[in-house]
Structures are given as C-alpha cells and as structure tokens.
PDB file of all heavy atoms in Angstrom:
ATOM      1  N   GLU A   1      -4.538 -22.964   4.718  1.00  0.00           N
ATOM      2  CA  GLU A   1      -3.359 -23.261   5.531  1.00  0.00           C
ATOM      3  C   GLU A   1      -2.286 -22.184   5.366  1.00  0.00           C
ATOM      4  O   GLU A   1      -1.491 -21.951   6.273  1.00  0.00           O
ATOM      5  CB  GLU A   1      -2.788 -24.636   5.141  1.00  0.00           C
ATOM      6  CG  GLU A   1      -3.776 -25.785   5.314  1.00  0.00           C
ATOM      7  CD  GLU A   1      -3.189 -27.093   4.820  1.00  0.00           C
ATOM      8  OE1 GLU A   1      -1.998 -27.102   4.436  1.00  0.00           O
ATOM      9  OE2 GLU A   1      -3.898 -28.105   4.807  1.00  0.00           O
ATOM     10  N   TYR A   2      -2.246 -21.556   4.208  1.00  0.00           N
ATOM     11  CA  TYR A   2      -1.259 -20.515   3.941  1.00  0.00           C
ATOM     12  C   TYR A   2      -1.723 -19.139   4.400  1.00  0.00           C
ATOM     13  O   TYR A   2      -0.895 -18.289   4.753  1.00  0.00           O
ATOM     14  CB  TYR A   2      -0.939 -20.458   2.437  1.00  0.00           C
ATOM     15  CG  TYR A   2      -0.075 -21.591   1.953  1.00  0.00           C
ATOM     16  CD1 TYR A   2      -0.645 -22.821   1.638  1.00  0.00           C
ATOM     17  CD2 TYR A   2       1.302 -21.443   1.831  1.00  0.00           C
ATOM     18  CE1 TYR A   2       0.155 -23.875   1.205  1.00  0.00           C
ATOM     19  CE2 TYR A   2       2.104 -22.491   1.405  1.00  0.00           C
ATOM     20  CZ  TYR A   2       1.517 -23.707   1.099  1.00  0.00           C
ATOM     21  OH  TYR A   2       2.307 -24.750   0.682  1.00  0.00           O
ATOM     22  N   GLU A   3      -3.016 -18.926   4.411  1.00  0.00           N
ATOM     23  CA  GLU A   3      -3.538 -17.582   4.665  1.00  0.00           C
ATOM     24  C   GLU A   3      -3.075 -16.996   5.987  1.00  0.00           C
ATOM     25  O   GLU A   3      -2.658 -15.837   6.054  1.00  0.00           O
ATOM     26  CB  GLU A   3      -5.071 -17.592   4.614  1.00  0.00           C
ATOM     27  CG  GLU A   3      -5.637 -17.430   3.228  1.00  0.00           C
ATOM     28  CD  GLU A   3      -7.090 -17.025   3.247  1.00  0.00           C
ATOM     29  OE1 GLU A   3      -7.377 -15.871   3.625  1.00  0.00           O
ATOM     30  OE2 GLU A   3      -7.937 -17.870   2.912  1.00  0.00           O
ATOM     31  N   GLU A   4      -3.160 -17.759   7.048  1.00  0.00           N
ATOM     32  CA  GLU A   4      -2.810 -17.228   8.368  1.00  0.00           C
ATOM     33  C   GLU A   4      -1.336 -16.830   8.434  1.00  0.00           C
ATOM     34  O   GLU A   4      -0.975 -15.815   9.041  1.00  0.00           O
ATOM     35  CB  GLU A   4      -3.138 -18.258   9.456  1.00  0.00           C
ATOM     36  CG  GLU A   4      -4.624 -18.521   9.626  1.00  0.00           C
ATOM     37  CD  GLU A   4      -5.407 -17.240   9.877  1.00  0.00           C
ATOM     38  OE1 GLU A   4      -4.980 -16.422  10.730  1.00  0.00           O
ATOM     39  OE2 GLU A   4      -6.441 -17.043   9.218  1.00  0.00           O
ATOM     40  N   ILE A   5      -0.476 -17.619   7.799  1.00  0.00           N
ATOM     41  CA  ILE A   5       0.949 -17.303   7.795  1.00  0.00           C
ATOM     42  C   ILE A   5       1.227 -16.072   6.938  1.00  0.00           C
ATOM     43  O   ILE A   5       1.999 -15.190   7.311  1.00  0.00           O
ATOM     44  CB  ILE A   5       1.752 -18.517   7.288  1.00  0.00           C
ATOM     45  CG1 ILE A   5       1.681 -19.642   8.319  1.00  0.00           C
ATOM     46  CG2 ILE A   5       3.211 -18.134   7.021  1.00  0.00           C
ATOM     47  CD1 ILE A   5       2.304 -20.933   7.857  1.00  0.00           C
ATOM     48  N   ILE A   6       0.568 -15.996   5.788  1.00  0.00           N
ATOM     49  CA  ILE A   6       0.751 -14.836   4.903  1.00  0.00           C
ATOM     50  C   ILE A   6       0.300 -13.563   5.604  1.00  0.00           C
ATOM     51  O   ILE A   6       0.965 -12.520   5.550  1.00  0.00           O
ATOM     52  CB  ILE A   6      -0.020 -15.036   3.590  1.00  0.00           C
ATOM     53  CG1 ILE A   6       0.568 -16.217   2.805  1.00  0.00           C
ATOM     54  CG2 ILE A   6       0.033 -13.770   2.730  1.00  0.00           C
ATOM     55  CD1 ILE A   6      -0.305 -16.694   1.659  1.00  0.00           C
ATOM     56  N   LYS A   7      -0.828 -13.627   6.291  1.00  0.00           N
ATOM     57  CA  LYS A   7      -1.356 -12.450   7.007  1.00  0.00           C
ATOM     58  C   LYS A   7      -0.395 -12.001   8.105  1.00  0.00           C
ATOM     59  O   LYS A   7      -0.280 -10.805   8.385  1.00  0.00           O
ATOM     60  CB  LYS A   7      -2.729 -12.767   7.606  1.00  0.00           C
ATOM     61  CG  LYS A   7      -3.853 -12.761   6.580  1.00  0.00           C
ATOM     62  CD  LYS A   7      -5.220 -12.810   7.239  1.00  0.00           C
ATOM     63  CE  LYS A   7      -5.535 -14.178   7.756  1.00  0.00           C
ATOM     64  NZ  LYS A   7      -6.929 -14.267   8.249  1.00  0.00           N
ATOM     65  N   LYS A   8       0.305 -12.946   8.724  1.00  0.00           N
ATOM     66  CA  LYS A   8       1.210 -12.612   9.814  1.00  0.00           C
ATOM     67  C   LYS A   8       2.535 -12.059   9.324  1.00  0.00           C
ATOM     68  O   LYS A   8       3.053 -11.076   9.866  1.00  0.00           O
ATOM     69  CB  LYS A   8       1.470 -13.863  10.673  1.00  0.00           C
ATOM     70  CG  LYS A   8       2.425 -13.614  11.843  1.00  0.00           C
ATOM     71  CD  LYS A   8       2.619 -14.865  12.677  1.00  0.00           C
ATOM     72  CE  LYS A   8       3.591 -14.611  13.832  1.00  0.00           C
ATOM     73  NZ  LYS A   8       3.796 -15.837  14.659  1.00  0.00           N
ATOM     74  N   PHE A   9       3.112 -12.663   8.279  1.00  0.00           N
ATOM     75  CA  PHE A   9       4.462 -12.306   7.850  1.00  0.00           C
ATOM     76  C   PHE A   9       4.500 -11.375   6.638  1.00  0.00           C
ATOM     77  O   PHE A   9       5.550 -10.820   6.331  1.00  0.00           O
ATOM     78  CB  PHE A   9       5.273 -13.577   7.551  1.00  0.00           C
ATOM     79  CG  PHE A   9       5.686 -14.323   8.785  1.00  0.00           C
ATOM     80  CD1 PHE A   9       4.883 -15.322   9.312  1.00  0.00           C
ATOM     81  CD2 PHE A   9       6.856 -13.999   9.441  1.00  0.00           C
ATOM     82  CE1 PHE A   9       5.245 -16.006  10.459  1.00  0.00           C
ATOM     83  CE2 PHE A   9       7.239 -14.671  10.598  1.00  0.00           C
ATOM     84  CZ  PHE A   9       6.425 -15.673  11.107  1.00  0.00           C
ATOM     85  N   SER A  10       3.377 -11.189   5.974  1.00  0.00           N
ATOM     86  CA  SER A  10       3.320 -10.262   4.853  1.00  0.00           C
ATOM     87  C   SER A  10       1.910  -9.680   4.743  1.00  0.00           C
ATOM     88  O   SER A  10       1.223  -9.852   3.731  1.00  0.00           O
ATOM     89  CB  SER A  10       3.709 -10.972   3.550  1.00  0.00           C
ATOM     90  OG  SER A  10       3.842 -10.049   2.504  1.00  0.00           O
ATOM     91  N   PRO A  11       1.461  -8.988   5.788  1.00  0.00           N
ATOM     92  CA  PRO A  11       0.053  -8.560   5.841  1.00  0.00           C
ATOM     93  C   PRO A  11      -0.344  -7.584   4.743  1.00  0.00           C
ATOM     94  O   PRO A  11      -1.458  -7.672   4.215  1.00  0.00           O
ATOM     95  CB  PRO A  11      -0.066  -7.920   7.230  1.00  0.00           C
ATOM     96  CG  PRO A  11       1.340  -7.538   7.607  1.00  0.00           C
ATOM     97  CD  PRO A  11       2.206  -8.585   7.000  1.00  0.00           C
ATOM     98  N   ASP A  12       0.532  -6.665   4.396  1.00  0.00           N
ATOM     99  CA  ASP A  12       0.171  -5.684   3.364  1.00  0.00           C
ATOM    100  C   ASP A  12       0.002  -6.334   1.997  1.00  0.00           C
ATOM    101  O   ASP A  12      -0.924  -6.000   1.248  1.00  0.00           O
ATOM    102  CB  ASP A  12       1.238  -4.589   3.289  1.00  0.00           C
ATOM    103  CG  ASP A  12       1.199  -3.651   4.481  1.00  0.00           C
ATOM    104  OD1 ASP A  12       0.270  -3.778   5.305  1.00  0.00           O
ATOM    105  OD2 ASP A  12       2.096  -2.801   4.600  1.00  0.00           O
ATOM    106  N   LEU A  13       0.899  -7.258   1.660  1.00  0.00           N
ATOM    107  CA  LEU A  13       0.781  -7.923   0.365  1.00  0.00           C
ATOM    108  C   LEU A  13      -0.421  -8.850   0.328  1.00  0.00           C
ATOM    109  O   LEU A  13      -1.054  -9.026  -0.732  1.00  0.00           O
ATOM    110  CB  LEU A  13       2.060  -8.696   0.047  1.00  0.00           C
ATOM    111  CG  LEU A  13       3.301  -7.837  -0.194  1.00  0.00           C
ATOM    112  CD1 LEU A  13       4.515  -8.708  -0.479  1.00  0.00           C
ATOM    113  CD2 LEU A  13       3.074  -6.864  -1.336  1.00  0.00           C
ATOM    114  N   TYR A  14      -0.756  -9.437   1.451  1.00  0.00           N
ATOM    115  CA  TYR A  14      -1.976 -10.248   1.527  1.00  0.00           C
ATOM    116  C   TYR A  14      -3.195  -9.391   1.236  1.00  0.00           C
ATOM    117  O   TYR A  14      -4.057  -9.764   0.418  1.00  0.00           O
ATOM    118  CB  TYR A  14      -2.081 -10.890   2.911  1.00  0.00           C
ATOM    119  CG  TYR A  14      -3.416 -11.568   3.163  1.00  0.00           C
ATOM    120  CD1 TYR A  14      -3.702 -12.804   2.595  1.00  0.00           C
ATOM    121  CD2 TYR A  14      -4.384 -10.968   3.970  1.00  0.00           C
ATOM    122  CE1 TYR A  14      -4.919 -13.433   2.829  1.00  0.00           C
ATOM    123  CE2 TYR A  14      -5.602 -11.586   4.201  1.00  0.00           C
ATOM    124  CZ  TYR A  14      -5.861 -12.813   3.627  1.00  0.00           C
ATOM    125  OH  TYR A  14      -7.085 -13.429   3.849  1.00  0.00           O
ATOM    126  N   GLN A  15      -3.274  -8.234   1.872  1.00  0.00           N
ATOM    127  CA  GLN A  15      -4.422  -7.363   1.655  1.00  0.00           C
ATOM    128  C   GLN A  15      -4.419  -6.812   0.230  1.00  0.00           C
ATOM    129  O   GLN A  15      -5.492  -6.644  -0.373  1.00  0.00           O
ATOM    130  CB  GLN A  15      -4.428  -6.216   2.665  1.00  0.00           C
ATOM    131  CG  GLN A  15      -5.739  -5.442   2.706  1.00  0.00           C
ATOM    132  CD  GLN A  15      -6.928  -6.336   3.036  1.00  0.00           C
ATOM    133  OE1 GLN A  15      -6.912  -7.075   4.025  1.00  0.00           O
ATOM    134  NE2 GLN A  15      -7.953  -6.288   2.200  1.00  0.00           N
ATOM    135  N   LEU A  16      -3.233  -6.539  -0.292  1.00  0.00           N
ATOM    136  CA  LEU A  16      -3.143  -6.073  -1.671  1.00  0.00           C
ATOM    137  C   LEU A  16      -3.688  -7.127  -2.630  1.00  0.00           C
ATOM    138  O   LEU A  16      -4.412  -6.809  -3.592  1.00  0.00           O
ATOM    139  CB  LEU A  16      -1.691  -5.739  -2.023  1.00  0.00           C
ATOM    140  CG  LEU A  16      -1.401  -5.265  -3.439  1.00  0.00           C
ATOM    141  CD1 LEU A  16      -2.225  -4.027  -3.795  1.00  0.00           C
ATOM    142  CD2 LEU A  16       0.088  -4.978  -3.632  1.00  0.00           C
ATOM    143  N   ALA A  17      -3.364  -8.389  -2.394  1.00  0.00           N
ATOM    144  CA  ALA A  17      -3.882  -9.474  -3.234  1.00  0.00           C
ATOM    145  C   ALA A  17      -5.400  -9.548  -3.163  1.00  0.00           C
ATOM    146  O   ALA A  17      -6.078  -9.753  -4.180  1.00  0.00           O
ATOM    147  CB  ALA A  17      -3.254 -10.802  -2.822  1.00  0.00           C
ATOM    148  N   LYS A  18      -5.960  -9.377  -1.970  1.00  0.00           N
ATOM    149  CA  LYS A  18      -7.414  -9.430  -1.822  1.00  0.00           C
ATOM    150  C   LYS A  18      -8.082  -8.252  -2.530  1.00  0.00           C
ATOM    151  O   LYS A  18      -9.106  -8.417  -3.214  1.00  0.00           O
ATOM    152  CB  LYS A  18      -7.797  -9.464  -0.346  1.00  0.00           C
ATOM    153  CG  LYS A  18      -7.381 -10.732   0.383  1.00  0.00           C
ATOM    154  CD  LYS A  18      -8.109 -10.909   1.715  1.00  0.00           C
ATOM    155  CE  LYS A  18      -9.566 -11.256   1.503  1.00  0.00           C
ATOM    156  NZ  LYS A  18     -10.256 -11.595   2.761  1.00  0.00           N
ATOM    157  N   ASN A  19      -7.521  -7.070  -2.365  1.00  0.00           N
ATOM    158  CA  ASN A  19      -8.080  -5.904  -3.050  1.00  0.00           C
ATOM    159  C   ASN A  19      -7.973  -6.041  -4.572  1.00  0.00           C
ATOM    160  O   ASN A  19      -8.894  -5.664  -5.306  1.00  0.00           O
ATOM    161  CB  ASN A  19      -7.372  -4.629  -2.595  1.00  0.00           C
ATOM    162  CG  ASN A  19      -7.840  -4.136  -1.249  1.00  0.00           C
ATOM    163  OD1 ASN A  19      -8.118  -4.944  -0.358  1.00  0.00           O
ATOM    164  ND2 ASN A  19      -7.926  -2.834  -1.063  1.00  0.00           N
ATOM    165  N   LEU A  20      -6.858  -6.589  -5.022  1.00  0.00           N
ATOM    166  CA  LEU A  20      -6.675  -6.785  -6.449  1.00  0.00           C
ATOM    167  C   LEU A  20      -7.709  -7.766  -6.994  1.00  0.00           C
ATOM    168  O   LEU A  20      -8.278  -7.545  -8.074  1.00  0.00           O
ATOM    169  CB  LEU A  20      -5.259  -7.303  -6.719  1.00  0.00           C
ATOM    170  CG  LEU A  20      -4.899  -7.602  -8.169  1.00  0.00           C
ATOM    171  CD1 LEU A  20      -5.008  -6.352  -9.026  1.00  0.00           C
ATOM    172  CD2 LEU A  20      -3.483  -8.188  -8.255  1.00  0.00           C
ATOM    173  N   ALA A  21      -7.931  -8.844  -6.271  1.00  0.00           N
ATOM    174  CA  ALA A  21      -8.946  -9.818  -6.696  1.00  0.00           C
ATOM    175  C   ALA A  21     -10.315  -9.173  -6.804  1.00  0.00           C
ATOM    176  O   ALA A  21     -11.085  -9.452  -7.737  1.00  0.00           O
ATOM    177  CB  ALA A  21      -8.981 -10.985  -5.717  1.00  0.00           C
ATOM    178  N   ASN A  22     -10.615  -8.271  -5.876  1.00  0.00           N
ATOM    179  CA  ASN A  22     -11.896  -7.573  -5.911  1.00  0.00           C
ATOM    180  C   ASN A  22     -11.995  -6.678  -7.156  1.00  0.00           C
ATOM    181  O   ASN A  22     -13.046  -6.610  -7.814  1.00  0.00           O
ATOM    182  CB  ASN A  22     -12.067  -6.745  -4.642  1.00  0.00           C
ATOM    183  CG  ASN A  22     -13.428  -6.092  -4.553  1.00  0.00           C
ATOM    184  OD1 ASN A  22     -14.447  -6.770  -4.540  1.00  0.00           O
ATOM    185  ND2 ASN A  22     -13.451  -4.770  -4.481  1.00  0.00           N
ATOM    186  N   GLU A  23     -10.902  -5.978  -7.474  1.00  0.00           N
ATOM    187  CA  GLU A  23     -10.884  -5.121  -8.654  1.00  0.00           C
ATOM    188  C   GLU A  23     -11.065  -5.931  -9.938  1.00  0.00           C
ATOM    189  O   GLU A  23     -11.685  -5.460 -10.904  1.00  0.00           O
ATOM    190  CB  GLU A  23      -9.563  -4.349  -8.733  1.00  0.00           C
ATOM    191  CG  GLU A  23      -9.357  -3.314  -7.639  1.00  0.00           C
ATOM    192  CD  GLU A  23     -10.253  -2.098  -7.812  1.00  0.00           C
ATOM    193  OE1 GLU A  23     -10.699  -1.842  -8.942  1.00  0.00           O
ATOM    194  OE2 GLU A  23     -10.498  -1.406  -6.803  1.00  0.00           O
ATOM    195  N   LEU A  24     -10.526  -7.146  -9.951  1.00  0.00           N
ATOM    196  CA  LEU A  24     -10.579  -7.995 -11.143  1.00  0.00           C
ATOM    197  C   LEU A  24     -11.796  -8.909 -11.163  1.00  0.00           C
ATOM    198  O   LEU A  24     -12.030  -9.615 -12.149  1.00  0.00           O
ATOM    199  CB  LEU A  24      -9.308  -8.847 -11.233  1.00  0.00           C
ATOM    200  CG  LEU A  24      -7.986  -8.085 -11.380  1.00  0.00           C
ATOM    201  CD1 LEU A  24      -6.809  -9.034 -11.248  1.00  0.00           C
ATOM    202  CD2 LEU A  24      -7.926  -7.360 -12.719  1.00  0.00           C
ATOM    203  N   ASN A  25     -12.519  -8.919 -10.032  1.00  0.00           N
ATOM    204  CA  ASN A  25     -13.709  -9.769  -9.902  1.00  0.00           C
ATOM    205  C   ASN A  25     -13.368 -11.248 -10.061  1.00  0.00           C
ATOM    206  O   ASN A  25     -14.019 -11.990 -10.806  1.00  0.00           O
ATOM    207  CB  ASN A  25     -14.792  -9.363 -10.910  1.00  0.00           C
ATOM    208  CG  ASN A  25     -16.150  -9.961 -10.564  1.00  0.00           C
ATOM    209  OD1 ASN A  25     -16.462 -10.219  -9.393  1.00  0.00           O
ATOM    210  ND2 ASN A  25     -16.972 -10.197 -11.587  1.00  0.00           N
ATOM    211  N   VAL A  26     -12.288 -11.674  -9.360  1.00  0.00           N
ATOM    212  CA  VAL A  26     -11.908 -13.090  -9.338  1.00  0.00           C
ATOM    213  C   VAL A  26     -11.776 -13.536  -7.885  1.00  0.00           C
ATOM    214  O   VAL A  26     -11.627 -12.718  -6.973  1.00  0.00           O
ATOM    215  CB  VAL A  26     -10.575 -13.335 -10.088  1.00  0.00           C
ATOM    216  CG1 VAL A  26     -10.683 -12.904 -11.535  1.00  0.00           C
ATOM    217  CG2 VAL A  26      -9.414 -12.625  -9.395  1.00  0.00           C
ATOM    218  N   ASP A  27     -11.838 -14.819  -7.668  1.00  0.00           N
ATOM    219  CA  ASP A  27     -11.674 -15.385  -6.332  1.00  0.00           C
ATOM    220  C   ASP A  27     -10.236 -15.108  -5.861  1.00  0.00           C
ATOM    221  O   ASP A  27      -9.272 -15.525  -6.509  1.00  0.00           O
ATOM    222  CB  ASP A  27     -11.943 -16.893  -6.375  1.00  0.00           C
ATOM    223  CG  ASP A  27     -11.909 -17.564  -5.005  1.00  0.00           C
ATOM    224  OD1 ASP A  27     -11.357 -16.974  -4.057  1.00  0.00           O
ATOM    225  OD2 ASP A  27     -12.421 -18.682  -4.898  1.00  0.00           O
ATOM    226  N   TYR A  28     -10.078 -14.406  -4.726  1.00  0.00           N
ATOM    227  CA  TYR A  28      -8.740 -14.051  -4.255  1.00  0.00           C
ATOM    228  C   TYR A  28      -7.887 -15.272  -3.988  1.00  0.00           C
ATOM    229  O   TYR A  28      -6.650 -15.217  -4.042  1.00  0.00           O
ATOM    230  CB  TYR A  28      -8.827 -13.165  -3.005  1.00  0.00           C
ATOM    231  CG  TYR A  28      -9.108 -13.908  -1.725  1.00  0.00           C
ATOM    232  CD1 TYR A  28      -8.088 -14.323  -0.887  1.00  0.00           C
ATOM    233  CD2 TYR A  28     -10.420 -14.216  -1.337  1.00  0.00           C
ATOM    234  CE1 TYR A  28      -8.324 -15.007   0.288  1.00  0.00           C
ATOM    235  CE2 TYR A  28     -10.674 -14.889  -0.163  1.00  0.00           C
ATOM    236  CZ  TYR A  28      -9.629 -15.290   0.645  1.00  0.00           C
ATOM    237  OH  TYR A  28      -9.884 -15.967   1.798  1.00  0.00           O
ATOM    238  N   ARG A  29      -8.508 -16.414  -3.707  1.00  0.00           N
ATOM    239  CA  ARG A  29      -7.747 -17.626  -3.417  1.00  0.00           C
ATOM    240  C   ARG A  29      -7.017 -18.120  -4.663  1.00  0.00           C
ATOM    241  O   ARG A  29      -5.983 -18.788  -4.544  1.00  0.00           O
ATOM    242  CB  ARG A  29      -8.667 -18.707  -2.856  1.00  0.00           C
ATOM    243  CG  ARG A  29      -9.261 -18.364  -1.494  1.00  0.00           C
ATOM    244  CD  ARG A  29     -10.270 -19.385  -1.048  1.00  0.00           C
ATOM    245  NE  ARG A  29     -11.385 -19.454  -1.982  1.00  0.00           N
ATOM    246  CZ  ARG A  29     -12.406 -20.329  -1.872  1.00  0.00           C
ATOM    247  NH1 ARG A  29     -12.422 -21.192  -0.873  1.00  0.00           N
ATOM    248  NH2 ARG A  29     -13.382 -20.332  -2.762  1.00  0.00           N
ATOM    249  N   ARG A  30      -7.525 -17.791  -5.838  1.00  0.00           N
ATOM    250  CA  ARG A  30      -6.812 -18.148  -7.073  1.00  0.00           C
ATOM    251  C   ARG A  30      -5.526 -17.334  -7.200  1.00  0.00           C
ATOM    252  O   ARG A  30      -4.498 -17.845  -7.657  1.00  0.00           O
ATOM    253  CB  ARG A  30      -7.720 -17.915  -8.292  1.00  0.00           C
ATOM    254  CG  ARG A  30      -8.877 -18.888  -8.377  1.00  0.00           C
ATOM    255  CD  ARG A  30      -9.858 -18.464  -9.468  1.00  0.00           C
ATOM    256  NE  ARG A  30      -9.253 -18.500 -10.797  1.00  0.00           N
ATOM    257  CZ  ARG A  30      -9.814 -17.965 -11.878  1.00  0.00           C
ATOM    258  NH1 ARG A  30     -10.983 -17.326 -11.777  1.00  0.00           N
ATOM    259  NH2 ARG A  30      -9.202 -18.040 -13.059  1.00  0.00           N
ATOM    260  N   ILE A  31      -5.566 -16.069  -6.777  1.00  0.00           N
ATOM    261  CA  ILE A  31      -4.355 -15.248  -6.786  1.00  0.00           C
ATOM    262  C   ILE A  31      -3.365 -15.748  -5.745  1.00  0.00           C
ATOM    263  O   ILE A  31      -2.164 -15.852  -5.997  1.00  0.00           O
ATOM    264  CB  ILE A  31      -4.700 -13.763  -6.553  1.00  0.00           C
ATOM    265  CG1 ILE A  31      -5.427 -13.203  -7.787  1.00  0.00           C
ATOM    266  CG2 ILE A  31      -3.445 -12.945  -6.251  1.00  0.00           C
ATOM    267  CD1 ILE A  31      -5.808 -11.757  -7.670  1.00  0.00           C
ATOM    268  N   LEU A  32      -3.867 -16.080  -4.547  1.00  0.00           N
ATOM    269  CA  LEU A  32      -2.967 -16.606  -3.511  1.00  0.00           C
ATOM    270  C   LEU A  32      -2.313 -17.897  -3.969  1.00  0.00           C
ATOM    271  O   LEU A  32      -1.109 -18.105  -3.767  1.00  0.00           O
ATOM    272  CB  LEU A  32      -3.737 -16.838  -2.213  1.00  0.00           C
ATOM    273  CG  LEU A  32      -4.253 -15.626  -1.453  1.00  0.00           C
ATOM    274  CD1 LEU A  32      -4.823 -16.053  -0.107  1.00  0.00           C
ATOM    275  CD2 LEU A  32      -3.168 -14.571  -1.253  1.00  0.00           C
ATOM    276  N   ALA A  33      -3.088 -18.792  -4.589  1.00  0.00           N
ATOM    277  CA  ALA A  33      -2.544 -20.074  -5.041  1.00  0.00           C
ATOM    278  C   ALA A  33      -1.426 -19.862  -6.051  1.00  0.00           C
ATOM    279  O   ALA A  33      -0.378 -20.524  -6.000  1.00  0.00           O
ATOM    280  CB  ALA A  33      -3.644 -20.931  -5.633  1.00  0.00           C
ATOM    281  N   PHE A  34      -1.621 -18.911  -6.969  1.00  0.00           N
ATOM    282  CA  PHE A  34      -0.667 -18.713  -8.052  1.00  0.00           C
ATOM    283  C   PHE A  34       0.577 -17.960  -7.610  1.00  0.00           C
ATOM    284  O   PHE A  34       1.683 -18.234  -8.073  1.00  0.00           O
ATOM    285  CB  PHE A  34      -1.349 -17.946  -9.196  1.00  0.00           C
ATOM    286  CG  PHE A  34      -0.516 -17.837 -10.443  1.00  0.00           C
ATOM    287  CD1 PHE A  34      -0.159 -18.974 -11.157  1.00  0.00           C
ATOM    288  CD2 PHE A  34      -0.091 -16.609 -10.906  1.00  0.00           C
ATOM    289  CE1 PHE A  34       0.602 -18.886 -12.313  1.00  0.00           C
ATOM    290  CE2 PHE A  34       0.675 -16.520 -12.069  1.00  0.00           C
ATOM    291  CZ  PHE A  34       1.014 -17.658 -12.772  1.00  0.00           C
ATOM    292  N   GLU A  35       0.432 -17.023  -6.674  1.00  0.00           N
ATOM    293  CA  GLU A  35       1.523 -16.115  -6.343  1.00  0.00           C
ATOM    294  C   GLU A  35       2.149 -16.377  -4.978  1.00  0.00           C
ATOM    295  O   GLU A  35       3.304 -16.050  -4.756  1.00  0.00           O
ATOM    296  CB  GLU A  35       1.013 -14.676  -6.397  1.00  0.00           C
ATOM    297  CG  GLU A  35       2.088 -13.614  -6.412  1.00  0.00           C
ATOM    298  CD  GLU A  35       2.710 -13.399  -7.773  1.00  0.00           C
ATOM    299  OE1 GLU A  35       2.908 -14.387  -8.493  1.00  0.00           O
ATOM    300  OE2 GLU A  35       3.002 -12.247  -8.127  1.00  0.00           O
ATOM    301  N   PHE A  36       1.415 -16.964  -4.046  1.00  0.00           N
ATOM    302  CA  PHE A  36       1.869 -17.072  -2.664  1.00  0.00           C
ATOM    303  C   PHE A  36       2.117 -18.499  -2.197  1.00  0.00           C
ATOM    304  O   PHE A  36       2.432 -18.716  -1.035  1.00  0.00           O
ATOM    305  CB  PHE A  36       0.827 -16.451  -1.723  1.00  0.00           C
ATOM    306  CG  PHE A  36       0.706 -14.949  -1.806  1.00  0.00           C
ATOM    307  CD1 PHE A  36       0.072 -14.336  -2.866  1.00  0.00           C
ATOM    308  CD2 PHE A  36       1.226 -14.142  -0.800  1.00  0.00           C
ATOM    309  CE1 PHE A  36      -0.054 -12.955  -2.930  1.00  0.00           C
ATOM    310  CE2 PHE A  36       1.103 -12.766  -0.859  1.00  0.00           C
ATOM    311  CZ  PHE A  36       0.468 -12.169  -1.936  1.00  0.00           C
ATOM    312  N   THR A  37       1.963 -19.487  -3.065  1.00  0.00           N
ATOM    313  CA  THR A  37       2.096 -20.881  -2.654  1.00  0.00           C
ATOM    314  C   THR A  37       2.966 -21.641  -3.654  1.00  0.00           C
ATOM    315  O   THR A  37       3.247 -21.143  -4.750  1.00  0.00           O
ATOM    316  CB  THR A  37       0.715 -21.574  -2.578  1.00  0.00           C
ATOM    317  OG1 THR A  37       0.273 -21.892  -3.909  1.00  0.00           O
ATOM    318  CG2 THR A  37      -0.315 -20.693  -1.884  1.00  0.00           C
ATOM    319  N   PRO A  38       3.360 -22.886  -3.338  1.00  0.00           N
ATOM    320  CA  PRO A  38       4.192 -23.663  -4.275  1.00  0.00           C
ATOM    321  C   PRO A  38       3.409 -24.254  -5.441  1.00  0.00           C
ATOM    322  O   PRO A  38       3.961 -25.054  -6.200  1.00  0.00           O
ATOM    323  CB  PRO A  38       4.792 -24.759  -3.382  1.00  0.00           C
ATOM    324  CG  PRO A  38       3.843 -24.906  -2.268  1.00  0.00           C
ATOM    325  CD  PRO A  38       3.300 -23.531  -2.011  1.00  0.00           C
ATOM    326  N   MET A  39       2.146 -23.879  -5.622  1.00  0.00           N
ATOM    327  CA  MET A  39       1.383 -24.346  -6.776  1.00  0.00           C
ATOM    328  C   MET A  39       1.725 -23.453  -7.976  1.00  0.00           C
ATOM    329  O   MET A  39       0.861 -22.862  -8.617  1.00  0.00           O
ATOM    330  CB  MET A  39      -0.127 -24.283  -6.513  1.00  0.00           C
ATOM    331  CG  MET A  39      -0.629 -25.246  -5.454  1.00  0.00           C
ATOM    332  SD  MET A  39      -0.350 -24.637  -3.784  1.00  0.00           S
ATOM    333  CE  MET A  39      -1.371 -25.738  -2.807  1.00  0.00           C
ATOM    334  N   ARG A  40       2.996 -23.320  -8.274  1.00  0.00           N
ATOM    335  CA  ARG A  40       3.441 -22.375  -9.290  1.00  0.00           C
ATOM    336  C   ARG A  40       4.665 -22.943 -10.005  1.00  0.00           C
ATOM    337  O   ARG A  40       5.131 -24.039  -9.704  1.00  0.00           O
ATOM    338  CB  ARG A  40       3.769 -21.008  -8.663  1.00  0.00           C
ATOM    339  CG  ARG A  40       4.838 -21.070  -7.576  1.00  0.00           C
ATOM    340  CD  ARG A  40       5.050 -19.748  -6.880  1.00  0.00           C
ATOM    341  NE  ARG A  40       5.715 -18.795  -7.755  1.00  0.00           N
ATOM    342  CZ  ARG A  40       5.140 -17.695  -8.214  1.00  0.00           C
ATOM    343  NH1 ARG A  40       3.893 -17.420  -7.919  1.00  0.00           N
ATOM    344  NH2 ARG A  40       5.798 -16.857  -8.986  1.00  0.00           N
ATOM    345  N   PHE A  41       5.229 -22.187 -10.931  1.00  0.00           N
ATOM    346  CA  PHE A  41       6.361 -22.649 -11.721  1.00  0.00           C
ATOM    347  C   PHE A  41       7.635 -22.684 -10.873  1.00  0.00           C
ATOM    348  O   PHE A  41       7.757 -21.997  -9.871  1.00  0.00           O
ATOM    349  CB  PHE A  41       6.571 -21.760 -12.954  1.00  0.00           C
ATOM    350  CG  PHE A  41       6.411 -20.294 -12.694  1.00  0.00           C
ATOM    351  CD1 PHE A  41       7.435 -19.559 -12.103  1.00  0.00           C
ATOM    352  CD2 PHE A  41       5.241 -19.643 -13.000  1.00  0.00           C
ATOM    353  CE1 PHE A  41       7.292 -18.212 -11.854  1.00  0.00           C
ATOM    354  CE2 PHE A  41       5.078 -18.295 -12.739  1.00  0.00           C
ATOM    355  CZ  PHE A  41       6.106 -17.579 -12.169  1.00  0.00           C
TER     356      PHE A  41
END
C-alpha cells in the first residue's frame, strides 16, 4: 500500500532502498517497513 506512493513522491529514495537491500541480501520490504512506514519508533 505504501510502495506506489513512495515511488511517486520519492522515487530515488525508493530505488536506493531497493538497491541497498540487494547489496545487503535482505528483503527490501523489511527496509521499507522500518524506514518508510509508521511501523517504527
């Protein structure tokens, strides 16, 4: 539900998160959940 909005209003940071997840070999959705959504502190 967040992905489409993130891609529209912050496309570079969205792609950066995906590339970073690839470098770290983790599911990019875990990075999005922690950094781009209210599932955080």
